[in-house]
Amino acid sequence: MSQLSGEVKRYAANERWNHWFTAILFVLLAASGLAFFHPAFWSLTAVLGGGESSRYLHPILGVLMFVSFIIFAFQKMGDNLMKSHDWKWMGQIGDVLANRDDRLPEVGKYNAGQKLAYWAMLASMLALMGSGLIIWQQFFSHMFTIETIRTAALVHALSGVVLILMIIVHVYAAIWVKGTIGAMTKGTVSRAWAKHHHPLWYRSLDK
């Protein structure tokens, strides 16, 4: 791969389908979840057909999103383990924000910011799933005390806010780094992009 022309695969088709399926579910769940969180957002229940259908569909879609996300998360866990160069990258966050890429340590398939976002989203998803099961009225809430349900509702709300914030950062970063969105739509990136943004990963493709 001495030449920088052409494309290299970054995501397989099943990974891309999973990603966009999860993204669609997230939008539906975030909208309906915000509607339950505060009356000012109640009109957002329209995305799931109104209040009653939202109450019924929200937890079901939540389980689907959890399963799809966990599949993707396990596929990418090895690539998201923090390494020494990642901590150095974090220590130079000023250079990152100023786009001084020439000063930054080389990174693998994901940089430290992407890895920390991954772990924050994974923790949020686990908390959402656990707390969501506890407050799921049709099936599980009758098994718990009112104090446990109230605590779970608080955990669910806070975890939802954290996940929404992480997704906003995720989308912003994808827009900020030109070529990132294309990687998740067509599955490939240019060799020049790979070598510039993720040189350790690029070189590993030769092995």
N, C-alpha and C. Protein backbone atom coordinates (compact mmCIF):
# COMPACT_ATOMS: atom_id res chain seq x y z
N MET A 1 0.82 -1.20 0.00
CA MET A 1 0.00 0.00 0.00
C MET A 1 0.86 1.26 0.00
N SER A 2 1.85 1.25 -0.87
CA SER A 2 2.73 2.41 -0.92
C SER A 2 2.07 3.59 -1.62
N GLN A 3 1.09 3.29 -2.49
CA GLN A 3 0.40 4.36 -3.18
C GLN A 3 -0.79 4.84 -2.36
N LEU A 4 -1.10 6.13 -2.47
CA LEU A 4 -2.21 6.69 -1.70
C LEU A 4 -3.45 6.90 -2.54
N SER A 5 -3.48 6.28 -3.72
CA SER A 5 -4.69 6.35 -4.54
C SER A 5 -5.57 5.15 -4.22
N GLY A 6 -6.86 5.29 -4.49
CA GLY A 6 -7.76 4.18 -4.24
C GLY A 6 -8.37 4.25 -2.84
N GLU A 7 -9.12 3.19 -2.50
CA GLU A 7 -9.88 3.14 -1.26
C GLU A 7 -9.49 1.90 -0.45
N VAL A 8 -9.70 2.00 0.85
CA VAL A 8 -9.53 0.85 1.74
C VAL A 8 -10.82 0.68 2.54
N LYS A 9 -11.15 -0.57 2.85
CA LYS A 9 -12.39 -0.83 3.59
C LYS A 9 -12.23 -0.47 5.06
N ARG A 10 -13.23 0.26 5.58
CA ARG A 10 -13.23 0.61 6.99
C ARG A 10 -14.37 -0.09 7.74
N TYR A 11 -15.51 -0.23 7.07
CA TYR A 11 -16.65 -0.90 7.70
C TYR A 11 -17.30 -1.87 6.72
N ALA A 12 -17.61 -3.06 7.20
CA ALA A 12 -18.31 -4.05 6.38
C ALA A 12 -19.78 -3.67 6.27
N ALA A 13 -20.47 -4.27 5.32
CA ALA A 13 -21.87 -3.94 5.07
C ALA A 13 -22.74 -4.19 6.29
N ASN A 14 -22.52 -5.32 6.99
CA ASN A 14 -23.33 -5.62 8.16
C ASN A 14 -23.11 -4.60 9.28
N GLU A 15 -21.90 -4.08 9.39
CA GLU A 15 -21.61 -3.06 10.40
C GLU A 15 -22.34 -1.75 10.07
N ARG A 16 -22.37 -1.42 8.79
CA ARG A 16 -23.04 -0.17 8.39
C ARG A 16 -24.54 -0.27 8.57
N TRP A 17 -25.13 -1.40 8.18
CA TRP A 17 -26.58 -1.58 8.38
C TRP A 17 -26.93 -1.53 9.86
N ASN A 18 -26.11 -2.18 10.67
CA ASN A 18 -26.34 -2.17 12.12
C ASN A 18 -26.27 -0.75 12.67
N HIS A 19 -25.26 0.00 12.22
CA HIS A 19 -25.07 1.37 12.69
C HIS A 19 -26.29 2.23 12.38
N TRP A 20 -26.77 2.18 11.15
CA TRP A 20 -27.90 3.04 10.76
C TRP A 20 -29.21 2.57 11.37
N PHE A 21 -29.36 1.27 11.57
CA PHE A 21 -30.54 0.75 12.26
C PHE A 21 -30.57 1.27 13.69
N THR A 22 -29.41 1.21 14.35
CA THR A 22 -29.30 1.73 15.72
C THR A 22 -29.56 3.23 15.75
N ALA A 23 -29.06 3.95 14.76
CA ALA A 23 -29.23 5.40 14.71
C ALA A 23 -30.70 5.78 14.58
N ILE A 24 -31.43 5.06 13.73
CA ILE A 24 -32.87 5.34 13.55
C ILE A 24 -33.62 5.07 14.85
N LEU A 25 -33.31 3.96 15.49
CA LEU A 25 -33.96 3.64 16.76
C LEU A 25 -33.63 4.70 17.81
N PHE A 26 -32.38 5.17 17.81
CA PHE A 26 -32.00 6.20 18.77
C PHE A 26 -32.84 7.46 18.61
N VAL A 27 -33.05 7.90 17.37
CA VAL A 27 -33.85 9.10 17.13
C VAL A 27 -35.27 8.93 17.66
N LEU A 28 -35.87 7.78 17.38
CA LEU A 28 -37.23 7.51 17.85
C LEU A 28 -37.30 7.45 19.37
N LEU A 29 -36.30 6.83 19.97
CA LEU A 29 -36.29 6.68 21.43
C LEU A 29 -35.95 8.00 22.12
N ALA A 30 -35.04 8.77 21.54
CA ALA A 30 -34.70 10.06 22.14
C ALA A 30 -35.90 10.99 22.12
N ALA A 31 -36.62 11.01 21.00
CA ALA A 31 -37.79 11.88 20.88
C ALA A 31 -38.88 11.48 21.87
N SER A 32 -39.23 10.20 21.89
CA SER A 32 -40.28 9.76 22.81
C SER A 32 -39.83 9.85 24.26
N GLY A 33 -38.54 9.60 24.50
CA GLY A 33 -38.03 9.72 25.87
C GLY A 33 -38.09 11.14 26.38
N LEU A 34 -37.74 12.10 25.55
CA LEU A 34 -37.84 13.51 25.94
C LEU A 34 -39.29 13.89 26.20
N ALA A 35 -40.21 13.32 25.43
CA ALA A 35 -41.64 13.59 25.63
C ALA A 35 -42.10 13.13 27.00
N PHE A 36 -41.57 11.98 27.44
CA PHE A 36 -41.93 11.48 28.77
C PHE A 36 -41.24 12.28 29.87
N PHE A 37 -40.10 12.87 29.53
CA PHE A 37 -39.28 13.58 30.51
C PHE A 37 -39.92 14.91 30.94
N HIS A 38 -40.51 15.63 29.96
CA HIS A 38 -41.08 16.95 30.29
C HIS A 38 -42.25 17.24 29.34
N PRO A 39 -43.34 17.81 29.88
CA PRO A 39 -44.52 18.11 29.04
C PRO A 39 -44.22 19.00 27.84
N ALA A 40 -43.19 19.83 27.95
CA ALA A 40 -42.87 20.73 26.84
C ALA A 40 -42.50 19.96 25.58
N PHE A 41 -42.06 18.70 25.75
CA PHE A 41 -41.66 17.88 24.60
C PHE A 41 -42.73 16.87 24.19
N TRP A 42 -43.94 16.99 24.77
CA TRP A 42 -44.95 15.96 24.55
C TRP A 42 -45.31 15.76 23.08
N SER A 43 -45.21 16.81 22.31
CA SER A 43 -45.56 16.70 20.88
C SER A 43 -44.64 15.72 20.15
N LEU A 44 -43.48 15.42 20.73
CA LEU A 44 -42.55 14.49 20.10
C LEU A 44 -43.06 13.05 20.10
N THR A 45 -44.11 12.78 20.89
CA THR A 45 -44.68 11.43 20.86
C THR A 45 -45.25 11.12 19.48
N ALA A 46 -45.44 12.14 18.66
CA ALA A 46 -45.98 11.93 17.32
C ALA A 46 -45.09 11.01 16.48
N VAL A 47 -43.79 10.94 16.80
CA VAL A 47 -42.90 10.09 16.01
C VAL A 47 -43.27 8.62 16.15
N LEU A 48 -43.96 8.28 17.25
CA LEU A 48 -44.38 6.89 17.45
C LEU A 48 -45.90 6.76 17.45
N GLY A 49 -46.57 7.77 16.91
CA GLY A 49 -48.02 7.66 16.76
C GLY A 49 -48.85 8.19 17.91
N GLY A 50 -48.24 8.95 18.83
CA GLY A 50 -49.01 9.51 19.94
C GLY A 50 -48.60 8.96 21.29
N GLY A 51 -49.25 9.45 22.34
CA GLY A 51 -48.88 9.11 23.70
C GLY A 51 -48.99 7.64 24.05
N GLU A 52 -50.14 7.03 23.78
CA GLU A 52 -50.36 5.65 24.15
C GLU A 52 -49.44 4.69 23.40
N SER A 53 -49.34 4.88 22.10
CA SER A 53 -48.46 4.00 21.32
C SER A 53 -47.00 4.22 21.69
N SER A 54 -46.64 5.43 22.05
CA SER A 54 -45.26 5.71 22.48
C SER A 54 -44.94 4.96 23.76
N ARG A 55 -45.87 4.97 24.71
CA ARG A 55 -45.65 4.24 25.97
C ARG A 55 -45.47 2.75 25.73
N TYR A 56 -46.18 2.23 24.75
CA TYR A 56 -46.09 0.80 24.44
C TYR A 56 -44.82 0.48 23.65
N LEU A 57 -44.51 1.32 22.64
CA LEU A 57 -43.40 1.02 21.73
C LEU A 57 -42.03 1.40 22.28
N HIS A 58 -41.97 2.43 23.12
CA HIS A 58 -40.67 2.92 23.61
C HIS A 58 -39.82 1.81 24.23
N PRO A 59 -40.33 1.03 25.18
CA PRO A 59 -39.48 -0.02 25.76
C PRO A 59 -39.12 -1.13 24.78
N ILE A 60 -40.03 -1.45 23.86
CA ILE A 60 -39.74 -2.49 22.87
C ILE A 60 -38.61 -2.04 21.95
N LEU A 61 -38.71 -0.81 21.47
CA LEU A 61 -37.65 -0.27 20.62
C LEU A 61 -36.34 -0.13 21.40
N GLY A 62 -36.48 0.14 22.70
CA GLY A 62 -35.30 0.25 23.54
C GLY A 62 -34.52 -1.06 23.61
N VAL A 63 -35.23 -2.16 23.71
CA VAL A 63 -34.58 -3.47 23.73
C VAL A 63 -33.91 -3.74 22.39
N LEU A 64 -34.60 -3.40 21.30
CA LEU A 64 -34.02 -3.59 19.96
C LEU A 64 -32.75 -2.77 19.79
N MET A 65 -32.77 -1.51 20.25
CA MET A 65 -31.58 -0.68 20.12
C MET A 65 -30.45 -1.22 20.97
N PHE A 66 -30.77 -1.68 22.16
CA PHE A 66 -29.73 -2.24 23.03
C PHE A 66 -29.06 -3.44 22.37
N VAL A 67 -29.86 -4.34 21.81
CA VAL A 67 -29.30 -5.53 21.16
C VAL A 67 -28.43 -5.14 19.97
N SER A 68 -28.93 -4.26 19.12
CA SER A 68 -28.17 -3.86 17.93
C SER A 68 -26.89 -3.13 18.32
N PHE A 69 -26.98 -2.28 19.34
CA PHE A 69 -25.79 -1.54 19.79
C PHE A 69 -24.76 -2.49 20.39
N ILE A 70 -25.21 -3.43 21.21
CA ILE A 70 -24.29 -4.35 21.86
C ILE A 70 -23.56 -5.21 20.84
N ILE A 71 -24.25 -5.63 19.78
CA ILE A 71 -23.60 -6.40 18.72
C ILE A 71 -22.46 -5.58 18.11
N PHE A 72 -22.75 -4.32 17.79
CA PHE A 72 -21.74 -3.44 17.21
C PHE A 72 -20.61 -3.18 18.22
N ALA A 73 -21.00 -2.97 19.49
CA ALA A 73 -20.01 -2.67 20.53
C ALA A 73 -19.03 -3.82 20.72
N PHE A 74 -19.52 -5.05 20.71
CA PHE A 74 -18.63 -6.20 20.86
C PHE A 74 -17.71 -6.35 19.65
N GLN A 75 -18.22 -6.02 18.48
CA GLN A 75 -17.39 -6.09 17.28
C GLN A 75 -16.22 -5.11 17.36
N LYS A 76 -16.46 -3.97 18.01
CA LYS A 76 -15.47 -2.89 18.02
C LYS A 76 -14.73 -2.75 19.35
N MET A 77 -14.99 -3.64 20.30
CA MET A 77 -14.39 -3.48 21.62
C MET A 77 -12.87 -3.50 21.57
N GLY A 78 -12.30 -4.44 20.83
CA GLY A 78 -10.85 -4.53 20.76
C GLY A 78 -10.20 -3.29 20.20
N ASP A 79 -10.86 -2.66 19.25
CA ASP A 79 -10.32 -1.44 18.64
C ASP A 79 -10.44 -0.22 19.55
N ASN A 80 -11.23 -0.35 20.62
CA ASN A 80 -11.48 0.80 21.49
C ASN A 80 -10.82 0.71 22.86
N LEU A 81 -9.89 -0.21 23.01
CA LEU A 81 -9.12 -0.28 24.25
C LEU A 81 -8.09 0.85 24.26
N MET A 82 -8.03 1.56 25.36
CA MET A 82 -7.10 2.69 25.47
C MET A 82 -5.66 2.19 25.55
N LYS A 83 -4.77 2.86 24.79
CA LYS A 83 -3.35 2.52 24.79
C LYS A 83 -2.53 3.76 25.13
N SER A 84 -1.23 3.57 25.28
CA SER A 84 -0.37 4.67 25.74
C SER A 84 -0.45 5.88 24.82
N HIS A 85 -0.48 5.63 23.51
CA HIS A 85 -0.53 6.78 22.58
C HIS A 85 -1.86 7.51 22.68
N ASP A 86 -2.92 6.82 23.14
CA ASP A 86 -4.21 7.48 23.29
C ASP A 86 -4.18 8.48 24.44
N TRP A 87 -3.54 8.11 25.54
CA TRP A 87 -3.45 9.03 26.67
C TRP A 87 -2.58 10.24 26.31
N LYS A 88 -1.55 10.00 25.51
CA LYS A 88 -0.72 11.12 25.05
C LYS A 88 -1.55 12.04 24.16
N TRP A 89 -2.38 11.45 23.30
CA TRP A 89 -3.27 12.21 22.42
C TRP A 89 -4.20 13.08 23.24
N MET A 90 -4.74 12.52 24.32
CA MET A 90 -5.64 13.28 25.18
C MET A 90 -4.91 14.43 25.87
N GLY A 91 -3.64 14.20 26.19
CA GLY A 91 -2.85 15.24 26.84
C GLY A 91 -2.55 16.41 25.91
N GLN A 92 -2.74 16.19 24.62
CA GLN A 92 -2.51 17.25 23.63
C GLN A 92 -3.82 17.70 22.99
N ILE A 93 -4.87 17.75 23.80
CA ILE A 93 -6.19 18.09 23.29
C ILE A 93 -6.22 19.47 22.65
N GLY A 94 -5.32 20.36 23.10
CA GLY A 94 -5.23 21.69 22.49
C GLY A 94 -4.83 21.60 21.04
N ASP A 95 -3.88 20.71 20.74
CA ASP A 95 -3.45 20.51 19.36
C ASP A 95 -4.58 19.88 18.53
N VAL A 96 -5.36 19.00 19.18
CA VAL A 96 -6.48 18.36 18.49
C VAL A 96 -7.49 19.42 18.05
N LEU A 97 -7.87 20.28 18.98
CA LEU A 97 -8.88 21.30 18.70
C LEU A 97 -8.38 22.34 17.70
N ALA A 98 -7.07 22.55 17.68
CA ALA A 98 -6.50 23.53 16.75
C ALA A 98 -6.12 22.90 15.41
N ASN A 99 -6.43 21.61 15.24
CA ASN A 99 -6.12 20.90 14.00
C ASN A 99 -4.63 20.86 13.69
N ARG A 100 -3.81 20.81 14.74
CA ARG A 100 -2.37 20.67 14.54
C ARG A 100 -2.01 19.19 14.52
N ASP A 101 -2.48 18.50 13.50
CA ASP A 101 -2.33 17.05 13.42
C ASP A 101 -0.87 16.60 13.39
N ASP A 102 0.01 17.45 12.86
CA ASP A 102 1.42 17.07 12.75
C ASP A 102 2.09 16.92 14.12
N ARG A 103 1.49 17.50 15.16
CA ARG A 103 2.06 17.41 16.50
C ARG A 103 1.53 16.23 17.30
N LEU A 104 0.50 15.59 16.80
CA LEU A 104 -0.18 14.54 17.56
C LEU A 104 0.48 13.18 17.37
N PRO A 105 0.40 12.32 18.40
CA PRO A 105 0.91 10.95 18.23
C PRO A 105 0.04 10.18 17.25
N GLU A 106 0.60 9.21 16.59
CA GLU A 106 -0.16 8.40 15.65
C GLU A 106 -1.21 7.58 16.40
N VAL A 107 -2.36 7.39 15.77
CA VAL A 107 -3.44 6.65 16.40
C VAL A 107 -3.84 5.47 15.53
N GLY A 108 -4.58 4.55 16.14
CA GLY A 108 -5.04 3.36 15.43
C GLY A 108 -6.36 3.62 14.73
N LYS A 109 -7.23 2.61 14.71
CA LYS A 109 -8.49 2.74 13.98
C LYS A 109 -9.36 3.84 14.55
N TYR A 110 -9.26 4.07 15.87
CA TYR A 110 -10.02 5.15 16.52
C TYR A 110 -9.08 5.95 17.40
N ASN A 111 -9.34 7.26 17.48
CA ASN A 111 -8.53 8.08 18.38
C ASN A 111 -9.11 8.03 19.79
N ALA A 112 -8.41 8.66 20.73
CA ALA A 112 -8.81 8.58 22.13
C ALA A 112 -10.20 9.17 22.37
N GLY A 113 -10.51 10.25 21.67
CA GLY A 113 -11.83 10.85 21.84
C GLY A 113 -12.94 9.90 21.42
N GLN A 114 -12.73 9.21 20.30
CA GLN A 114 -13.70 8.24 19.82
C GLN A 114 -13.82 7.06 20.79
N LYS A 115 -12.70 6.66 21.36
CA LYS A 115 -12.71 5.54 22.30
C LYS A 115 -13.45 5.90 23.59
N LEU A 116 -13.20 7.09 24.12
CA LEU A 116 -13.89 7.50 25.34
C LEU A 116 -15.40 7.64 25.10
N ALA A 117 -15.75 8.14 23.92
CA ALA A 117 -17.17 8.24 23.56
C ALA A 117 -17.79 6.84 23.48
N TYR A 118 -17.05 5.91 22.93
CA TYR A 118 -17.52 4.52 22.84
C TYR A 118 -17.85 3.98 24.23
N TRP A 119 -16.93 4.14 25.18
CA TRP A 119 -17.14 3.60 26.53
C TRP A 119 -18.26 4.33 27.25
N ALA A 120 -18.38 5.64 27.03
CA ALA A 120 -19.48 6.39 27.64
C ALA A 120 -20.82 5.93 27.09
N MET A 121 -20.89 5.70 25.78
CA MET A 121 -22.14 5.23 25.18
C MET A 121 -22.47 3.82 25.64
N LEU A 122 -21.45 2.97 25.76
CA LEU A 122 -21.69 1.61 26.23
C LEU A 122 -22.22 1.61 27.66
N ALA A 123 -21.60 2.41 28.54
CA ALA A 123 -22.07 2.50 29.92
C ALA A 123 -23.49 3.04 29.99
N SER A 124 -23.77 4.04 29.16
CA SER A 124 -25.12 4.62 29.13
C SER A 124 -26.15 3.60 28.67
N MET A 125 -25.80 2.83 27.65
CA MET A 125 -26.72 1.83 27.13
C MET A 125 -27.00 0.75 28.16
N LEU A 126 -25.98 0.31 28.87
CA LEU A 126 -26.17 -0.71 29.91
C LEU A 126 -27.07 -0.17 31.03
N ALA A 127 -26.83 1.09 31.42
CA ALA A 127 -27.66 1.71 32.47
C ALA A 127 -29.09 1.90 32.00
N LEU A 128 -29.26 2.30 30.75
CA LEU A 128 -30.61 2.48 30.20
C LEU A 128 -31.37 1.15 30.15
N MET A 129 -30.68 0.10 29.74
CA MET A 129 -31.33 -1.20 29.64
C MET A 129 -31.73 -1.71 31.02
N GLY A 130 -30.80 -1.66 31.95
CA GLY A 130 -31.09 -2.16 33.30
C GLY A 130 -32.21 -1.39 33.97
N SER A 131 -32.12 -0.07 33.93
CA SER A 131 -33.15 0.76 34.57
C SER A 131 -34.47 0.68 33.81
N GLY A 132 -34.38 0.55 32.48
CA GLY A 132 -35.59 0.47 31.67
C GLY A 132 -36.41 -0.78 31.97
N LEU A 133 -35.73 -1.90 32.20
CA LEU A 133 -36.44 -3.13 32.54
C LEU A 133 -37.19 -2.97 33.88
N ILE A 134 -36.56 -2.30 34.82
CA ILE A 134 -37.17 -2.12 36.14
C ILE A 134 -38.45 -1.29 36.06
N ILE A 135 -38.46 -0.27 35.19
CA ILE A 135 -39.63 0.62 35.12
C ILE A 135 -40.60 0.23 34.00
N TRP A 136 -40.38 -0.92 33.37
CA TRP A 136 -41.27 -1.39 32.30
C TRP A 136 -42.55 -1.93 32.93
N GLN A 137 -43.59 -1.13 32.89
CA GLN A 137 -44.82 -1.43 33.63
C GLN A 137 -45.50 -2.72 33.20
N GLN A 138 -45.53 -3.00 31.91
CA GLN A 138 -46.25 -4.17 31.42
C GLN A 138 -45.68 -5.49 31.93
N PHE A 139 -44.37 -5.51 32.25
CA PHE A 139 -43.75 -6.80 32.57
C PHE A 139 -43.00 -6.86 33.90
N PHE A 140 -42.27 -5.83 34.25
CA PHE A 140 -41.31 -5.99 35.34
C PHE A 140 -41.50 -5.08 36.56
N SER A 141 -42.11 -3.94 36.41
CA SER A 141 -42.12 -2.97 37.51
C SER A 141 -42.80 -3.49 38.77
N HIS A 142 -43.76 -4.43 38.61
CA HIS A 142 -44.47 -4.96 39.78
C HIS A 142 -43.56 -5.81 40.68
N MET A 143 -42.37 -6.16 40.17
CA MET A 143 -41.43 -6.97 40.95
C MET A 143 -40.58 -6.15 41.90
N PHE A 144 -40.66 -4.81 41.79
CA PHE A 144 -39.77 -3.95 42.55
C PHE A 144 -40.53 -2.99 43.46
N THR A 145 -39.83 -2.50 44.48
CA THR A 145 -40.42 -1.53 45.39
C THR A 145 -40.51 -0.18 44.69
N ILE A 146 -41.36 0.69 45.24
CA ILE A 146 -41.52 2.01 44.64
C ILE A 146 -40.22 2.80 44.72
N GLU A 147 -39.45 2.58 45.77
CA GLU A 147 -38.16 3.28 45.90
C GLU A 147 -37.20 2.85 44.79
N THR A 148 -37.18 1.55 44.51
CA THR A 148 -36.31 1.05 43.44
C THR A 148 -36.74 1.59 42.09
N ILE A 149 -38.04 1.64 41.88
CA ILE A 149 -38.57 2.15 40.60
C ILE A 149 -38.22 3.63 40.43
N ARG A 150 -38.34 4.41 41.51
CA ARG A 150 -38.00 5.82 41.43
C ARG A 150 -36.52 6.02 41.14
N THR A 151 -35.68 5.22 41.79
CA THR A 151 -34.24 5.31 41.54
C THR A 151 -33.93 4.93 40.09
N ALA A 152 -34.58 3.86 39.62
CA ALA A 152 -34.36 3.42 38.24
C ALA A 152 -34.81 4.48 37.24
N ALA A 153 -35.92 5.16 37.54
CA ALA A 153 -36.42 6.21 36.65
C ALA A 153 -35.41 7.35 36.56
N LEU A 154 -34.78 7.69 37.70
CA LEU A 154 -33.77 8.75 37.71
C LEU A 154 -32.54 8.32 36.92
N VAL A 155 -32.09 7.07 37.14
CA VAL A 155 -30.94 6.55 36.40
C VAL A 155 -31.23 6.53 34.91
N HIS A 156 -32.45 6.14 34.55
CA HIS A 156 -32.85 6.07 33.15
C HIS A 156 -32.79 7.45 32.50
N ALA A 157 -33.31 8.45 33.21
CA ALA A 157 -33.32 9.81 32.67
C ALA A 157 -31.90 10.36 32.51
N LEU A 158 -31.07 10.18 33.54
CA LEU A 158 -29.71 10.69 33.49
C LEU A 158 -28.89 9.98 32.41
N SER A 159 -29.07 8.67 32.30
CA SER A 159 -28.35 7.91 31.28
C SER A 159 -28.78 8.33 29.88
N GLY A 160 -30.08 8.62 29.74
CA GLY A 160 -30.58 9.08 28.45
C GLY A 160 -29.97 10.41 28.05
N VAL A 161 -29.84 11.32 29.02
CA VAL A 161 -29.24 12.62 28.75
C VAL A 161 -27.77 12.45 28.33
N VAL A 162 -27.05 11.59 29.07
CA VAL A 162 -25.64 11.34 28.73
C VAL A 162 -25.52 10.77 27.32
N LEU A 163 -26.38 9.82 26.98
CA LEU A 163 -26.32 9.20 25.64
C LEU A 163 -26.63 10.22 24.55
N ILE A 164 -27.63 11.06 24.78
CA ILE A 164 -27.97 12.09 23.80
C ILE A 164 -26.79 13.03 23.58
N LEU A 165 -26.14 13.44 24.67
CA LEU A 165 -24.98 14.33 24.55
C LEU A 165 -23.84 13.65 23.80
N MET A 166 -23.62 12.37 24.08
CA MET A 166 -22.56 11.63 23.40
C MET A 166 -22.85 11.49 21.91
N ILE A 167 -24.11 11.29 21.57
CA ILE A 167 -24.46 11.17 20.15
C ILE A 167 -24.28 12.51 19.44
N ILE A 168 -24.61 13.60 20.13
CA ILE A 168 -24.40 14.93 19.54
C ILE A 168 -22.92 15.14 19.25
N VAL A 169 -22.06 14.79 20.22
CA VAL A 169 -20.62 14.90 20.03
C VAL A 169 -20.17 13.99 18.88
N HIS A 170 -20.71 12.79 18.85
CA HIS A 170 -20.38 11.81 17.80
C HIS A 170 -20.71 12.36 16.41
N VAL A 171 -21.89 12.93 16.26
CA VAL A 171 -22.31 13.47 14.98
C VAL A 171 -21.46 14.69 14.61
N TYR A 172 -21.20 15.56 15.58
CA TYR A 172 -20.39 16.75 15.32
C TYR A 172 -18.99 16.34 14.84
N ALA A 173 -18.40 15.36 15.53
CA ALA A 173 -17.05 14.92 15.16
C ALA A 173 -17.04 14.31 13.77
N ALA A 174 -18.11 13.58 13.43
CA ALA A 174 -18.20 12.97 12.10
C ALA A 174 -18.27 14.03 11.01
N ILE A 175 -18.96 15.13 11.30
CA ILE A 175 -19.05 16.23 10.34
C ILE A 175 -17.73 17.00 10.28
N TRP A 176 -17.11 17.18 11.44
CA TRP A 176 -15.87 17.94 11.55
C TRP A 176 -14.75 17.28 10.74
N VAL A 177 -14.62 15.96 10.85
CA VAL A 177 -13.56 15.25 10.13
C VAL A 177 -14.13 14.77 8.80
N LYS A 178 -13.85 15.50 7.75
CA LYS A 178 -14.38 15.18 6.44
C LYS A 178 -13.97 13.77 6.01
N GLY A 179 -14.94 13.01 5.54
CA GLY A 179 -14.67 11.65 5.11
C GLY A 179 -15.19 10.60 6.06
N THR A 180 -15.49 11.02 7.31
CA THR A 180 -15.95 10.08 8.33
C THR A 180 -17.33 9.53 8.00
N ILE A 181 -18.25 10.42 7.60
CA ILE A 181 -19.61 9.98 7.29
C ILE A 181 -19.60 9.06 6.08
N GLY A 182 -18.77 9.37 5.09
CA GLY A 182 -18.67 8.52 3.93
C GLY A 182 -18.23 7.10 4.27
N ALA A 183 -17.40 6.98 5.31
CA ALA A 183 -16.94 5.66 5.73
C ALA A 183 -18.10 4.79 6.20
N MET A 184 -19.12 5.42 6.80
CA MET A 184 -20.25 4.67 7.31
C MET A 184 -21.40 4.59 6.30
N THR A 185 -21.25 5.18 5.15
CA THR A 185 -22.28 5.05 4.11
C THR A 185 -21.81 4.10 3.01
N LYS A 186 -20.59 4.31 2.52
CA LYS A 186 -20.09 3.44 1.45
C LYS A 186 -19.14 2.37 1.96
N GLY A 187 -18.66 2.53 3.22
CA GLY A 187 -17.82 1.50 3.83
C GLY A 187 -16.33 1.64 3.61
N THR A 188 -15.92 2.59 2.77
CA THR A 188 -14.50 2.74 2.48
C THR A 188 -14.04 4.18 2.70
N VAL A 189 -12.75 4.34 2.82
CA VAL A 189 -12.13 5.66 2.91
C VAL A 189 -10.94 5.67 1.96
N SER A 190 -10.51 6.86 1.61
CA SER A 190 -9.33 6.94 0.73
C SER A 190 -8.09 6.54 1.52
N ARG A 191 -7.10 6.06 0.81
CA ARG A 191 -5.85 5.71 1.47
C ARG A 191 -5.20 6.94 2.12
N ALA A 192 -5.32 8.08 1.45
CA ALA A 192 -4.76 9.32 2.00
C ALA A 192 -5.43 9.68 3.31
N TRP A 193 -6.76 9.51 3.37
CA TRP A 193 -7.52 9.80 4.60
C TRP A 193 -7.07 8.87 5.72
N ALA A 194 -6.98 7.59 5.40
CA ALA A 194 -6.58 6.61 6.41
C ALA A 194 -5.18 6.89 6.94
N LYS A 195 -4.25 7.20 6.04
CA LYS A 195 -2.87 7.44 6.47
C LYS A 195 -2.77 8.72 7.29
N HIS A 196 -3.57 9.73 6.94
CA HIS A 196 -3.50 11.00 7.65
C HIS A 196 -4.16 10.93 9.02
N HIS A 197 -5.36 10.36 9.11
CA HIS A 197 -6.12 10.39 10.36
C HIS A 197 -5.86 9.19 11.27
N HIS A 198 -5.53 8.04 10.68
CA HIS A 198 -5.36 6.83 11.49
C HIS A 198 -4.16 6.02 10.96
N PRO A 199 -2.97 6.60 11.06
CA PRO A 199 -1.79 5.97 10.45
C PRO A 199 -1.44 4.58 10.98
N LEU A 200 -1.63 4.34 12.29
CA LEU A 200 -1.32 3.02 12.84
C LEU A 200 -2.26 1.96 12.25
N TRP A 201 -3.52 2.33 12.12
CA TRP A 201 -4.49 1.41 11.51
C TRP A 201 -4.16 1.20 10.03
N TYR A 202 -3.80 2.26 9.34
CA TYR A 202 -3.48 2.17 7.92
C TYR A 202 -2.32 1.21 7.68
N ARG A 203 -1.28 1.32 8.51
CA ARG A 203 -0.13 0.45 8.33
C ARG A 203 -0.47 -1.00 8.67
N SER A 204 -1.43 -1.19 9.60
CA SER A 204 -1.80 -2.55 9.99
C SER A 204 -2.51 -3.27 8.85
N LEU A 205 -3.04 -2.54 7.88
CA LEU A 205 -3.74 -3.16 6.76
C LEU A 205 -2.80 -3.94 5.86
N ASP A 206 -1.50 -3.65 5.98
CA ASP A 206 -0.51 -4.36 5.16
C ASP A 206 -0.21 -5.73 5.73
N LYS A 207 -0.57 -5.93 7.01
CA LYS A 207 -0.17 -7.18 7.69
C LYS A 207 -1.17 -8.30 7.42
